[in-house]
Amino acid sequence: MKIAFGSDHVGLELKPTIMEYVKSLGYEVYDFGTKSNERTDYPIYGQKVGKAVANGDYDLGIVICGTGVGISLAANKVKGIRACVCSDCYSAKLSRMHNNTNVLAFGSRVVGPELAKMIVKNWLEAKYIGGRHERRVEELAAIESDNEQKFDELEHSKEFDGKEQFEDQSL
């Protein structure tokens, strides 16, 4: 599995540590930049990683800026990307299981190297479970494509029985 990496200058210090960690888990990695401490803009690298994942050259992406928010917003502007910002392992795991996220973002000013490694491990090891979550991922794609008709069809395709909120308590 191939993982695309990107960061702005603020995420640069943490990125090599996480890339080495991901390699130690058996993944192939590629760094889309930045490779300099010179001030740069996070949208450049969020877009590069987003495009690399969306076009299928890489399976997943990991992006880092100060908070993770800005670079995740940039990645999410690329059609087909479902990027999430995670500062904890549980959210990282469920973002893959429920939302089929394909880009993980975090902030080098928010999480340290050891927590970042745990977040990445939980995210990489989690698998999308589909099922009731598939319709929601399809709704996101309909929003992204500005397909109101498809969104409306999906929105009304299943009534909720009120029990589903308790299905994941074992996680």
Protein backbone atom coordinates (compact mmCIF):
# COMPACT_ATOMS: atom_id res chain seq x y z
CA MET A 1 0.00 0.00 0.00
CA LYS A 2 1.31 3.43 -0.95
CA ILE A 3 0.87 6.48 1.28
CA ALA A 4 1.28 10.07 0.03
CA PHE A 5 2.61 12.64 2.51
CA GLY A 6 2.50 16.41 2.49
CA SER A 7 3.03 19.27 4.90
CA ASP A 8 3.62 22.96 5.06
CA HIS A 9 6.68 24.39 6.84
CA VAL A 10 5.00 24.04 10.27
CA GLY A 11 4.42 20.30 9.77
CA LEU A 12 7.88 19.70 8.34
CA GLU A 13 9.55 18.79 11.63
CA LEU A 14 7.02 16.05 12.46
CA LYS A 15 6.60 14.65 8.94
CA PRO A 16 9.88 12.65 8.65
CA THR A 17 9.21 10.95 11.99
CA ILE A 18 5.75 9.87 10.86
CA MET A 19 6.98 8.83 7.41
CA GLU A 20 9.66 6.60 8.97
CA TYR A 21 7.07 5.13 11.31
CA VAL A 22 4.69 4.37 8.44
CA LYS A 23 7.55 2.74 6.51
CA SER A 24 8.31 0.59 9.58
CA LEU A 25 4.72 -0.66 9.40
CA GLY A 26 5.39 -1.97 5.89
CA TYR A 27 3.94 0.83 3.76
CA GLU A 28 5.56 2.57 0.83
CA VAL A 29 5.68 6.36 1.28
CA TYR A 30 6.27 9.40 -0.89
CA ASP A 31 6.82 13.00 0.22
CA PHE A 32 5.05 15.63 -1.88
CA GLY A 33 6.72 18.41 0.13
CA THR A 34 7.47 20.80 1.52
CA LYS A 35 11.08 19.90 2.06
CA SER A 36 12.17 23.33 3.30
CA ASN A 37 11.66 25.32 6.50
CA GLU A 38 10.88 28.35 4.35
CA ARG A 39 7.34 29.66 4.90
CA THR A 40 4.90 28.11 2.43
CA ASP A 41 1.17 27.67 1.96
CA TYR A 42 -0.60 24.52 3.17
CA PRO A 43 -3.11 24.43 0.25
CA ILE A 44 -0.26 23.54 -2.13
CA TYR A 45 0.50 20.30 -0.29
CA GLY A 46 -3.09 19.44 0.63
CA GLN A 47 -3.94 19.64 -3.07
CA LYS A 48 -0.90 17.62 -4.17
CA VAL A 49 -1.67 14.78 -1.77
CA GLY A 50 -5.40 14.97 -2.52
CA LYS A 51 -4.82 14.68 -6.27
CA ALA A 52 -2.35 11.83 -5.84
CA VAL A 53 -4.91 9.85 -3.82
CA ALA A 54 -7.94 10.81 -5.92
CA ASN A 55 -6.28 9.78 -9.18
CA GLY A 56 -5.28 6.40 -7.70
CA ASP A 57 -1.50 6.80 -7.71
CA TYR A 58 -1.54 6.46 -3.92
CA ASP A 59 -3.91 4.48 -1.71
CA LEU A 60 -4.09 6.98 1.15
CA GLY A 61 -2.65 10.32 2.20
CA ILE A 62 -1.36 11.90 5.39
CA VAL A 63 -1.04 15.68 5.65
CA ILE A 64 0.32 17.88 8.41
CA CYS A 65 0.16 21.60 9.16
CA GLY A 66 -0.04 23.55 12.41
CA THR A 67 -3.53 22.36 13.39
CA GLY A 68 -4.37 19.98 10.55
CA VAL A 69 -7.44 22.04 9.75
CA GLY A 70 -6.15 24.16 6.87
CA ILE A 71 -4.39 21.36 5.03
CA SER A 72 -7.44 19.08 5.45
CA LEU A 73 -9.66 21.78 3.96
CA ALA A 74 -7.34 22.00 0.97
CA ALA A 75 -7.31 18.21 0.49
CA ASN A 76 -11.10 18.11 0.78
CA LYS A 77 -11.43 20.50 -2.16
CA VAL A 78 -10.14 17.70 -4.42
CA LYS A 79 -13.02 15.65 -5.80
CA GLY A 80 -13.07 12.18 -4.27
CA ILE A 81 -11.19 13.08 -1.11
CA ARG A 82 -12.61 12.53 2.34
CA ALA A 83 -10.02 14.06 4.64
CA CYS A 84 -10.38 14.20 8.39
CA VAL A 85 -8.49 16.05 11.09
CA CYS A 86 -7.81 13.80 14.06
CA SER A 87 -6.21 14.53 17.40
CA ASP A 88 -7.25 11.23 18.98
CA CYS A 89 -7.14 7.55 18.06
CA TYR A 90 -10.87 6.87 18.35
CA SER A 91 -11.84 9.54 15.80
CA ALA A 92 -9.11 8.32 13.44
CA LYS A 93 -10.35 4.74 13.66
CA LEU A 94 -14.01 5.62 13.19
CA SER A 95 -13.29 8.03 10.35
CA ARG A 96 -12.03 5.07 8.34
CA MET A 97 -14.67 2.61 9.54
CA HIS A 98 -17.68 4.88 9.05
CA ASN A 99 -16.65 7.60 6.59
CA ASN A 100 -14.09 5.72 4.47
CA THR A 101 -11.65 8.60 4.84
CA ASN A 102 -8.71 8.49 2.48
CA VAL A 103 -6.63 11.37 3.83
CA LEU A 104 -5.64 11.85 7.47
CA ALA A 105 -4.65 15.29 8.77
CA PHE A 106 -3.25 16.37 12.09
CA GLY A 107 -1.49 19.35 13.54
CA SER A 108 2.13 19.42 14.61
CA ARG A 109 1.17 22.12 17.12
CA VAL A 110 -1.62 19.93 18.49
CA VAL A 111 -0.18 16.39 18.73
CA GLY A 112 3.32 15.23 19.52
CA PRO A 113 5.21 12.47 17.71
CA GLU A 114 4.08 9.55 19.89
CA LEU A 115 0.38 10.48 19.80
CA ALA A 116 0.68 11.11 16.06
CA LYS A 117 2.06 7.59 15.61
CA MET A 118 -0.84 6.10 17.57
CA ILE A 119 -3.37 8.11 15.54
CA VAL A 120 -1.76 7.00 12.27
CA LYS A 121 -1.63 3.33 13.35
CA ASN A 122 -5.31 3.34 14.34
CA TRP A 123 -6.27 5.04 11.07
CA LEU A 124 -4.21 2.73 8.86
CA GLU A 125 -5.38 -0.45 10.59
CA ALA A 126 -9.08 0.43 10.53
CA LYS A 127 -11.13 -0.82 7.59
CA TYR A 128 -14.26 0.67 6.11
CA ILE A 129 -17.26 -1.36 7.26
CA GLY A 130 -19.79 -0.08 4.71
CA GLY A 131 -23.30 -1.23 5.51
CA ARG A 132 -25.46 1.61 6.81
CA HIS A 133 -22.50 3.96 6.34
CA GLU A 134 -22.38 3.40 2.57
CA ARG A 135 -25.43 5.55 1.94
CA ARG A 136 -23.83 8.41 3.89
CA VAL A 137 -20.61 8.19 1.90
CA GLU A 138 -22.70 8.20 -1.28
CA GLU A 139 -24.56 11.27 0.01
CA LEU A 140 -21.21 13.02 0.48
CA ALA A 141 -20.30 12.16 -3.11
CA ALA A 142 -23.65 13.53 -4.33
CA ILE A 143 -23.01 16.79 -2.47
CA GLU A 144 -19.51 16.96 -3.94
CA SER A 145 -20.89 16.47 -7.45
CA ASP A 146 -23.72 18.93 -6.80
CA ASN A 147 -26.16 16.17 -7.73
CA GLU A 148 -29.31 17.24 -5.87
CA GLN A 149 -31.43 14.49 -7.41
CA LYS A 150 -29.06 11.73 -6.29
CA PHE A 151 -28.78 13.29 -2.84
CA ASP A 152 -32.57 13.45 -2.47
CA GLU A 153 -32.92 9.82 -3.60
CA LEU A 154 -30.33 8.71 -1.07
CA GLU A 155 -31.74 10.88 1.69
CA HIS A 156 -35.16 9.27 1.32
CA SER A 157 -33.97 5.74 0.57
CA LYS A 158 -34.19 4.47 4.13
CA GLU A 159 -36.11 5.40 7.20
CA PHE A 160 -34.23 5.37 10.48
CA ASP A 161 -35.60 3.08 13.16
CA GLY A 162 -34.03 4.95 16.08
CA LYS A 163 -31.87 1.98 17.10
CA GLU A 164 -28.83 2.62 14.92
CA GLN A 165 -27.28 5.14 17.27
CA PHE A 166 -26.57 2.28 19.67
CA GLU A 167 -25.11 -0.20 17.19
CA ASP A 168 -21.48 0.87 17.65
CA GLN A 169 -21.23 0.79 21.44
CA SER A 170 -18.81 -2.12 21.29
CA LEU A 171 -16.15 0.07 19.58
